[in-house]
Amino acid sequence: MNNLSFIATADWHLWPFIWRNLSHLRGDSEASVVEVTARAIETQRPVICAGDIMDHGEEGAVARELKFLNQALVGVNFFYVVGNHEESGFAGGEKNPRWLEVIEANSNLNATHLGGTVTFIDGFAFGGLDYVRGSQAVFAQELETYRTALTAGGINKLDVLVLHQPIKELLGFDGAYQTTQQQLAGLAHLVIIGDIHVSRTWEHEGTTFLSPGSTVYNDWAEITFEASRSCPADLGYWEVRMDKDTAGRVAIDTTRVTTGNQRVFFDLSVLTPEAEVDAMKAFTAFGVEAFANNIPCPALARVRYHAEHTTFIAELQRLASSVGVELDLRPVHTNTAISAELETLRQADGANITDVVIARHVDGEKDKTLSKTISEILADETQRPDLILERVVAEIQAGGELQNAGG
């Protein structure tokens, strides 16, 4: 019996300013990676990363994170594929060298690129595909080329396939994904797939699929809330053990680990005068608890409010400053029909996709169209709230109002 234990992770998105709209917040992605690598060193397990290690692919961005990686990955046996964020850099009309080329040329990291190759780790065959930009047909062609190369090399089935592509089973609507579980099943005993920031494992036709999810939040739309408090449902990494017997049968055990170095998040809506007292009580309790937590990054609270609550907001800012809580203040327009309906959506279901809609600034003639769309969707009582939210976002995206907030 041969066995191997390793850490499966993805979507680190290393970048000092990972919060797109809050540039003063720093250190989130680095803090989460330190936790992953510390665990790897403690357990002497290799780390398998399914892409988007960097948030930016340009050489300058890579250089900024190289010093951090040289420290964080010391003593770590590191294997990876390239994600869409890392290969996205352009300069003067020419694509920059992929970030891995910069790393391999300028550091002493014990890093192995899995893309397009087969690497054996303690007798287990690991293969990988870098991110493939293009349609489903383009990816299918790349996959078949790789499959043919494996067969030519005498490998009928990998133990582990690592890739970074949007997969249908984590998205569900046509046009958003490039591969499916059916297309990948049978190629490996275990498929580790990055890109979609959802932490999940499932089985299909004898193949185990593992989406590690991201180690870091970078947008409110990714956070799941329960009673206004964040719950890290899709944040962390996985510890994997594989056992192979003499007949080549493989048993796989996976354990999800939630990263503890993340900020604590809080969500408040203060849209009526009556809500101010309860909101202040809730924030005070949250602030005191956040102050007592010893985490690298301060807690972050988002507050949606109407313009008439300026005195309350000033008091909230003083309290937040005293307990070291960061604020993201979001004024809500009071003169639009859409505000009330968006709030109805948010209260009906805490799904994080709601925040993509609520955070959007809508006014003027756009209000009429958007309000009509949401009214019609809300009138469909046959749908679950989460599906209603998906439909709202899909309608707005189709009209060009929103950009995709995915990985």
Protein backbone atom coordinates (compact mmCIF):
# COMPACT_ATOMS: atom_id res chain seq x y z
CA MET A 1 0.00 0.00 0.00
CA ASN A 2 1.36 3.39 -1.07
CA ASN A 3 0.02 6.63 0.41
CA LEU A 4 0.46 10.35 0.00
CA SER A 5 -0.85 13.32 1.99
CA PHE A 6 -0.85 16.85 0.60
CA ILE A 7 -2.56 20.23 0.79
CA ALA A 8 -4.86 21.23 -2.06
CA THR A 9 -5.43 24.95 -2.52
CA ALA A 10 -6.20 27.54 -5.21
CA ASP A 11 -6.95 31.17 -5.94
CA TRP A 12 -4.58 32.90 -3.53
CA HIS A 13 -4.82 36.13 -5.55
CA LEU A 14 -1.69 37.59 -4.04
CA TRP A 15 -1.88 41.37 -4.28
CA PRO A 16 -1.51 44.03 -1.57
CA PHE A 17 -4.78 45.73 -2.53
CA ILE A 18 -6.94 42.66 -3.06
CA TRP A 19 -10.13 44.50 -2.08
CA ARG A 20 -10.96 46.12 -5.40
CA ASN A 21 -12.91 49.10 -4.09
CA LEU A 22 -11.16 49.57 -0.74
CA SER A 23 -7.56 50.28 -1.64
CA HIS A 24 -6.61 51.20 1.94
CA LEU A 25 -7.12 47.59 3.05
CA ARG A 26 -3.93 45.57 2.78
CA GLY A 27 -2.49 42.20 3.65
CA ASP A 28 -5.52 39.91 3.33
CA SER A 29 -4.17 37.55 0.68
CA GLU A 30 -0.71 37.36 2.23
CA ALA A 31 -2.12 36.52 5.69
CA SER A 32 -4.16 33.62 4.32
CA VAL A 33 -1.22 32.20 2.37
CA VAL A 34 1.01 32.29 5.45
CA GLU A 35 -1.52 30.08 7.20
CA VAL A 36 -1.51 27.55 4.35
CA THR A 37 2.27 27.37 4.09
CA ALA A 38 2.72 27.19 7.87
CA ARG A 39 0.48 24.13 7.91
CA ALA A 40 2.46 22.59 5.04
CA ILE A 41 5.73 23.06 6.91
CA GLU A 42 4.25 21.75 10.16
CA THR A 43 2.94 18.56 8.53
CA GLN A 44 5.70 18.22 5.90
CA ARG A 45 3.09 17.96 3.16
CA PRO A 46 3.51 19.23 -0.40
CA VAL A 47 1.20 22.01 -1.57
CA ILE A 48 -0.76 21.61 -4.81
CA CYS A 49 -2.11 24.95 -6.05
CA ALA A 50 -4.69 25.06 -8.87
CA GLY A 51 -3.88 28.49 -10.26
CA ASP A 52 -4.39 32.20 -9.62
CA ILE A 53 -1.56 32.36 -7.11
CA MET A 54 -1.04 35.94 -8.27
CA ASP A 55 -3.86 38.40 -8.84
CA HIS A 56 -1.96 40.20 -11.60
CA GLY A 57 0.20 38.66 -14.33
CA GLU A 58 2.42 41.62 -15.22
CA GLU A 59 6.11 41.33 -14.44
CA GLY A 60 5.97 44.35 -12.13
CA ALA A 61 3.16 42.82 -10.09
CA VAL A 62 5.01 39.52 -9.90
CA ALA A 63 8.13 41.27 -8.67
CA ARG A 64 6.16 42.91 -5.86
CA GLU A 65 5.01 39.54 -4.56
CA LEU A 66 8.22 37.61 -5.24
CA LYS A 67 9.87 38.73 -2.00
CA PHE A 68 6.84 37.54 -0.04
CA LEU A 69 6.80 34.15 -1.79
CA ASN A 70 10.51 33.67 -1.21
CA GLN A 71 9.78 33.85 2.51
CA ALA A 72 6.39 32.13 2.68
CA LEU A 73 7.40 29.10 0.59
CA VAL A 74 10.72 28.37 2.25
CA GLY A 75 10.66 24.69 3.16
CA VAL A 76 7.53 24.02 1.09
CA ASN A 77 7.43 21.53 -1.78
CA PHE A 78 5.19 23.53 -4.12
CA PHE A 79 3.38 22.39 -7.30
CA TYR A 80 1.11 24.58 -9.41
CA VAL A 81 -0.65 25.40 -12.66
CA VAL A 82 -1.18 28.85 -14.14
CA GLY A 83 -4.56 30.57 -13.72
CA ASN A 84 -6.31 33.20 -15.79
CA HIS A 85 -5.13 36.07 -13.57
CA GLU A 86 -1.47 35.15 -13.91
CA GLU A 87 -1.44 34.95 -17.68
CA SER A 88 -3.34 38.18 -18.26
CA GLY A 89 -0.50 40.71 -18.42
CA PHE A 90 0.15 42.76 -21.55
CA ALA A 91 2.76 45.38 -22.38
CA GLY A 92 3.22 47.22 -25.64
CA GLY A 93 0.79 44.88 -27.37
CA GLU A 94 2.85 41.82 -26.47
CA LYS A 95 1.93 39.37 -23.73
CA ASN A 96 4.42 39.45 -20.89
CA PRO A 97 6.27 36.29 -19.89
CA ARG A 98 4.08 34.18 -17.68
CA TRP A 99 4.69 34.85 -14.04
CA LEU A 100 6.13 31.38 -13.48
CA GLU A 101 8.98 32.20 -15.87
CA VAL A 102 9.84 35.22 -13.75
CA ILE A 103 9.74 33.15 -10.57
CA GLU A 104 11.82 30.30 -11.96
CA ALA A 105 14.45 32.71 -13.25
CA ASN A 106 14.71 34.88 -10.15
CA SER A 107 14.14 32.78 -7.05
CA ASN A 108 15.25 29.69 -5.21
CA LEU A 109 11.76 28.38 -4.60
CA ASN A 110 11.21 24.63 -4.64
CA ALA A 111 8.39 25.09 -7.16
CA THR A 112 7.31 22.67 -9.89
CA HIS A 113 5.09 23.69 -12.78
CA LEU A 114 2.55 20.95 -13.55
CA GLY A 115 1.04 22.50 -16.68
CA GLY A 116 1.27 20.17 -19.67
CA THR A 117 3.46 17.67 -17.85
CA VAL A 118 3.38 14.59 -15.65
CA THR A 119 5.20 14.70 -12.31
CA PHE A 120 5.48 11.82 -9.87
CA ILE A 121 5.20 12.62 -6.15
CA ASP A 122 5.97 9.59 -3.96
CA GLY A 123 4.79 7.26 -6.71
CA PHE A 124 1.57 9.17 -7.54
CA ALA A 125 1.19 10.62 -11.05
CA PHE A 126 0.24 14.32 -11.06
CA GLY A 127 -0.67 16.06 -14.30
CA GLY A 128 -1.81 19.57 -15.00
CA LEU A 129 -3.26 21.99 -17.51
CA ASP A 130 -2.68 25.73 -17.39
CA TYR A 131 -5.67 27.98 -17.91
CA VAL A 132 -7.01 27.82 -21.45
CA ARG A 133 -8.57 31.03 -22.70
CA GLY A 134 -11.39 30.62 -25.19
CA SER A 135 -14.52 28.63 -25.84
CA GLN A 136 -15.53 25.18 -24.70
CA ALA A 137 -14.34 23.88 -28.05
CA VAL A 138 -10.89 25.42 -27.58
CA PHE A 139 -10.53 23.81 -24.17
CA ALA A 140 -11.76 20.47 -25.50
CA GLN A 141 -9.03 20.55 -28.13
CA GLU A 142 -6.34 21.34 -25.55
CA LEU A 143 -7.60 18.58 -23.29
CA GLU A 144 -7.58 16.03 -26.10
CA THR A 145 -4.03 17.01 -27.04
CA TYR A 146 -2.96 16.47 -23.45
CA ARG A 147 -4.84 13.17 -23.20
CA THR A 148 -3.12 11.94 -26.37
CA ALA A 149 0.29 12.88 -24.95
CA LEU A 150 -0.48 10.95 -21.75
CA THR A 151 -1.43 7.84 -23.70
CA ALA A 152 1.70 8.12 -25.82
CA GLY A 153 3.72 8.27 -22.60
CA GLY A 154 2.14 5.08 -21.31
CA ILE A 155 -0.23 6.73 -18.80
CA ASN A 156 -3.84 5.68 -19.15
CA LYS A 157 -5.04 7.41 -16.00
CA LEU A 158 -3.48 10.03 -13.76
CA ASP A 159 -3.74 9.88 -10.02
CA VAL A 160 -4.32 13.63 -9.83
CA LEU A 161 -5.19 16.19 -12.52
CA VAL A 162 -4.78 19.87 -11.58
CA LEU A 163 -6.33 22.61 -13.70
CA HIS A 164 -7.84 26.08 -13.57
CA GLN A 165 -11.06 26.40 -15.57
CA PRO A 166 -14.69 27.33 -14.88
CA ILE A 167 -16.68 24.08 -14.62
CA LYS A 168 -20.39 23.67 -15.30
CA GLU A 169 -21.16 21.96 -12.00
CA LEU A 170 -20.11 25.07 -10.06
CA LEU A 171 -21.78 27.60 -12.37
CA GLY A 172 -24.70 25.93 -14.07
CA PHE A 173 -25.63 28.37 -16.84
CA ASP A 174 -24.47 27.94 -20.41
CA GLY A 175 -21.73 30.22 -21.69
CA ALA A 176 -20.12 30.73 -18.29
CA TYR A 177 -18.17 27.47 -18.15
CA GLN A 178 -15.52 25.81 -20.32
CA THR A 179 -15.54 22.25 -19.04
CA THR A 180 -17.78 19.70 -17.32
CA GLN A 181 -17.40 16.79 -14.94
CA GLN A 182 -18.39 14.44 -17.75
CA GLN A 183 -15.53 15.70 -19.91
CA LEU A 184 -12.92 15.23 -17.16
CA ALA A 185 -14.17 12.03 -15.51
CA GLY A 186 -11.92 9.04 -16.09
CA LEU A 187 -8.81 11.09 -16.82
CA ALA A 188 -7.70 10.94 -13.17
CA HIS A 189 -8.73 9.49 -9.83
CA LEU A 190 -8.80 13.02 -8.39
CA VAL A 191 -9.42 16.28 -10.27
CA ILE A 192 -8.41 19.48 -8.43
CA ILE A 193 -9.95 22.45 -10.21
CA GLY A 194 -9.46 26.13 -9.42
CA ASP A 195 -11.11 29.34 -10.69
CA ILE A 196 -14.56 29.31 -9.06
CA HIS A 197 -14.35 30.49 -5.46
CA VAL A 198 -16.53 27.70 -4.09
CA SER A 199 -15.16 25.08 -1.70
CA ARG A 200 -16.69 21.73 -2.59
CA THR A 201 -15.93 18.08 -3.30
CA TRP A 202 -18.09 15.57 -5.17
CA GLU A 203 -17.97 12.29 -7.09
CA HIS A 204 -18.81 11.48 -10.70
CA GLU A 205 -18.34 8.16 -12.45
CA GLY A 206 -15.52 7.04 -10.18
CA THR A 207 -13.65 10.36 -10.22
CA THR A 208 -13.41 12.61 -7.17
CA PHE A 209 -13.67 16.33 -7.95
CA LEU A 210 -12.27 18.93 -5.57
CA SER A 211 -12.72 22.67 -5.88
CA PRO A 212 -10.54 24.16 -3.10
CA GLY A 213 -12.17 27.58 -3.28
CA SER A 214 -10.22 30.74 -2.58
CA THR A 215 -8.17 31.42 0.54
CA VAL A 216 -9.17 35.08 0.57
CA TYR A 217 -12.21 37.28 0.03
CA ASN A 218 -11.74 40.17 -2.37
CA ASP A 219 -15.29 41.42 -2.75
CA TRP A 220 -18.45 41.62 -0.65
CA ALA A 221 -20.19 39.54 -3.32
CA GLU A 222 -18.16 36.49 -2.23
CA ILE A 223 -19.13 36.60 1.44
CA THR A 224 -21.97 34.54 2.87
CA PHE A 225 -23.73 36.08 5.89
CA GLU A 226 -25.79 34.60 8.68
CA ALA A 227 -27.51 37.12 10.97
CA SER A 228 -25.25 39.87 9.56
CA ARG A 229 -22.10 37.95 10.50
CA SER A 230 -19.77 36.45 7.91
CA CYS A 231 -19.47 32.68 7.82
CA PRO A 232 -16.49 31.42 5.79
CA ALA A 233 -18.42 28.78 3.87
CA ASP A 234 -16.13 28.91 0.84
CA LEU A 235 -12.83 30.02 2.31
CA GLY A 236 -9.84 27.84 3.14
CA TYR A 237 -7.88 24.87 1.83
CA TRP A 238 -8.10 21.05 1.86
CA GLU A 239 -5.96 18.32 3.34
CA VAL A 240 -5.96 15.24 1.10
CA ARG A 241 -4.79 11.67 1.69
CA MET A 242 -4.53 9.13 -1.12
CA ASP A 243 -3.93 5.39 -0.64
CA LYS A 244 -3.08 3.11 -3.55
CA ASP A 245 -3.01 -0.67 -3.27
CA THR A 246 -0.94 -3.10 -5.32
CA ALA A 247 -3.77 -3.46 -7.85
CA GLY A 248 -3.77 0.29 -8.51
CA ARG A 249 -7.03 0.99 -6.67
CA VAL A 250 -7.02 4.43 -5.08
CA ALA A 251 -8.87 5.59 -1.95
CA ILE A 252 -9.19 9.34 -1.37
CA ASP A 253 -9.94 11.13 1.89
CA THR A 254 -10.47 14.91 1.97
CA THR A 255 -10.75 17.30 4.92
CA ARG A 256 -11.63 20.96 4.56
CA VAL A 257 -9.73 23.49 6.69
CA THR A 258 -11.06 27.02 7.17
CA THR A 259 -8.44 29.75 7.21
CA GLY A 260 -8.41 31.64 10.50
CA ASN A 261 -6.34 34.66 9.46
CA GLN A 262 -9.23 36.33 7.63
CA ARG A 263 -10.96 39.47 8.70
CA VAL A 264 -14.26 39.20 10.49
CA PHE A 265 -17.02 40.80 8.41
CA PHE A 266 -20.23 42.49 9.48
CA ASP A 267 -23.16 43.78 7.43
CA LEU A 268 -25.56 46.53 8.54
CA SER A 269 -28.49 48.25 6.86
CA VAL A 270 -29.75 51.44 8.47
CA LEU A 271 -32.58 52.52 6.21
CA THR A 272 -35.10 53.85 8.75
CA PRO A 273 -34.74 56.01 11.89
CA GLU A 274 -36.07 53.12 13.98
CA ALA A 275 -33.20 50.91 12.84
CA GLU A 276 -30.49 53.14 14.31
CA VAL A 277 -30.73 51.91 17.90
CA ASP A 278 -30.65 48.23 17.05
CA ALA A 279 -27.90 48.77 14.51
CA MET A 280 -25.70 50.58 17.05
CA LYS A 281 -26.22 47.82 19.63
CA ALA A 282 -25.34 45.13 17.10
CA PHE A 283 -22.27 47.00 15.90
CA THR A 284 -21.07 47.65 19.46
CA ALA A 285 -21.21 43.93 20.28
CA PHE A 286 -19.46 43.12 17.02
CA GLY A 287 -16.80 45.77 17.57
CA VAL A 288 -15.94 44.62 21.08
CA GLU A 289 -15.60 41.02 19.92
CA ALA A 290 -13.51 42.03 16.90
CA PHE A 291 -11.24 44.08 19.14
CA ALA A 292 -10.56 41.01 21.28
CA ASN A 293 -9.68 38.79 18.30
CA ASN A 294 -5.98 38.50 17.56
CA ILE A 295 -5.99 38.35 13.77
CA PRO A 296 -3.57 40.08 11.37
CA CYS A 297 -6.25 42.08 9.53
CA PRO A 298 -8.79 44.35 11.27
CA ALA A 299 -12.49 43.52 11.11
CA LEU A 300 -14.49 45.13 8.30
CA ALA A 301 -18.09 46.34 8.49
CA ARG A 302 -20.21 47.41 5.56
CA VAL A 303 -22.96 49.89 6.38
CA ARG A 304 -25.76 50.78 3.96
CA TYR A 305 -27.58 53.95 4.99
CA HIS A 306 -29.74 56.80 3.77
CA ALA A 307 -28.50 60.37 3.67
CA GLU A 308 -30.58 61.42 6.69
CA HIS A 309 -28.52 59.15 8.95
CA THR A 310 -25.40 61.36 8.89
CA THR A 311 -25.34 61.86 12.68
CA PHE A 312 -25.60 58.12 13.27
CA ILE A 313 -22.79 57.48 10.77
CA ALA A 314 -20.54 59.99 12.53
CA GLU A 315 -21.11 58.19 15.85
CA LEU A 316 -20.48 54.84 14.17
CA GLN A 317 -17.19 56.11 12.74
CA ARG A 318 -16.00 57.20 16.19
CA LEU A 319 -16.87 53.82 17.68
CA ALA A 320 -15.23 51.94 14.82
CA SER A 321 -12.05 53.95 15.24
CA SER A 322 -11.90 53.19 18.96
CA VAL A 323 -12.08 49.41 18.46
CA GLY A 324 -10.03 49.24 15.25
CA VAL A 325 -12.84 48.23 12.89
CA GLU A 326 -12.63 49.29 9.23
CA LEU A 327 -15.80 50.73 7.69
CA ASP A 328 -17.12 50.51 4.16
CA LEU A 329 -19.89 53.10 4.01
CA ARG A 330 -22.48 52.62 1.27
CA PRO A 331 -25.07 55.40 0.90
CA VAL A 332 -28.33 54.14 -0.58
CA HIS A 333 -30.39 56.39 -2.86
CA THR A 334 -33.73 57.30 -1.28
CA ASN A 335 -35.39 58.72 -4.37
CA THR A 336 -35.41 55.59 -6.51
CA ALA A 337 -37.97 52.87 -6.74
CA ILE A 338 -35.20 50.32 -6.96
CA SER A 339 -33.79 50.78 -3.44
CA ALA A 340 -36.75 49.25 -1.63
CA GLU A 341 -36.97 46.31 -4.00
CA LEU A 342 -33.28 45.58 -3.73
CA GLU A 343 -33.55 45.65 0.05
CA THR A 344 -36.50 43.25 -0.20
CA LEU A 345 -34.28 40.90 -2.16
CA ARG A 346 -31.50 41.18 0.39
CA GLN A 347 -33.82 40.45 3.30
CA ALA A 348 -35.49 37.56 1.46
CA ASP A 349 -32.25 35.70 1.01
CA GLY A 350 -28.72 36.29 2.29
CA ALA A 351 -27.08 34.95 -0.86
CA ASN A 352 -23.90 36.87 -1.53
CA ILE A 353 -24.81 37.54 -5.16
CA THR A 354 -27.36 40.09 -3.90
CA ASP A 355 -24.54 42.43 -2.98
CA VAL A 356 -23.42 42.62 -6.59
CA VAL A 357 -26.79 44.15 -7.39
CA ILE A 358 -27.19 46.36 -4.32
CA ALA A 359 -23.72 47.84 -4.66
CA ARG A 360 -24.47 49.00 -8.20
CA HIS A 361 -25.19 52.73 -8.58
CA VAL A 362 -28.40 53.05 -10.56
CA ASP A 363 -30.27 56.25 -11.30
CA GLY A 364 -32.08 58.21 -13.99
CA GLU A 365 -33.72 56.30 -16.81
CA LYS A 366 -31.89 53.09 -15.83
CA ASP A 367 -34.03 52.91 -12.68
CA LYS A 368 -37.19 52.35 -14.68
CA THR A 369 -35.85 49.39 -16.62
CA LEU A 370 -34.12 47.79 -13.67
CA SER A 371 -37.09 48.31 -11.37
CA LYS A 372 -39.44 46.74 -13.90
CA THR A 373 -37.12 43.75 -14.34
CA ILE A 374 -36.79 43.08 -10.64
CA SER A 375 -40.54 43.56 -10.07
CA GLU A 376 -41.33 40.95 -12.69
CA ILE A 377 -38.83 38.47 -11.27
CA LEU A 378 -40.03 39.01 -7.70
CA ALA A 379 -43.59 38.31 -8.85
CA ASP A 380 -42.59 34.77 -9.79
CA GLU A 381 -43.46 32.98 -6.55
CA THR A 382 -42.54 29.57 -7.96
CA GLN A 383 -38.80 30.23 -7.66
CA ARG A 384 -36.55 29.90 -4.62
CA PRO A 385 -35.02 33.20 -3.41
CA ASP A 386 -31.50 32.19 -4.45
CA LEU A 387 -32.70 31.41 -7.97
CA ILE A 388 -34.57 34.71 -8.10
CA LEU A 389 -31.31 36.49 -7.26
CA GLU A 390 -29.47 34.64 -10.01
CA ARG A 391 -32.12 35.69 -12.49
CA VAL A 392 -31.86 39.33 -11.42
CA VAL A 393 -28.12 39.35 -11.92
CA ALA A 394 -28.36 37.49 -15.22
CA GLU A 395 -30.85 40.05 -16.54
CA ILE A 396 -28.69 43.00 -15.56
CA GLN A 397 -25.50 41.40 -16.90
CA ALA A 398 -27.25 40.74 -20.21
CA GLY A 399 -27.97 44.44 -20.43
CA GLY A 400 -24.35 45.35 -19.78
CA GLU A 401 -25.03 46.92 -16.39
CA LEU A 402 -22.71 44.67 -14.40
CA GLN A 403 -19.37 42.97 -14.89
CA ASN A 404 -18.84 39.35 -13.90
CA ALA A 405 -17.52 39.21 -10.35
CA GLY A 406 -16.16 35.65 -10.64
CA GLY A 407 -12.62 34.31 -10.27
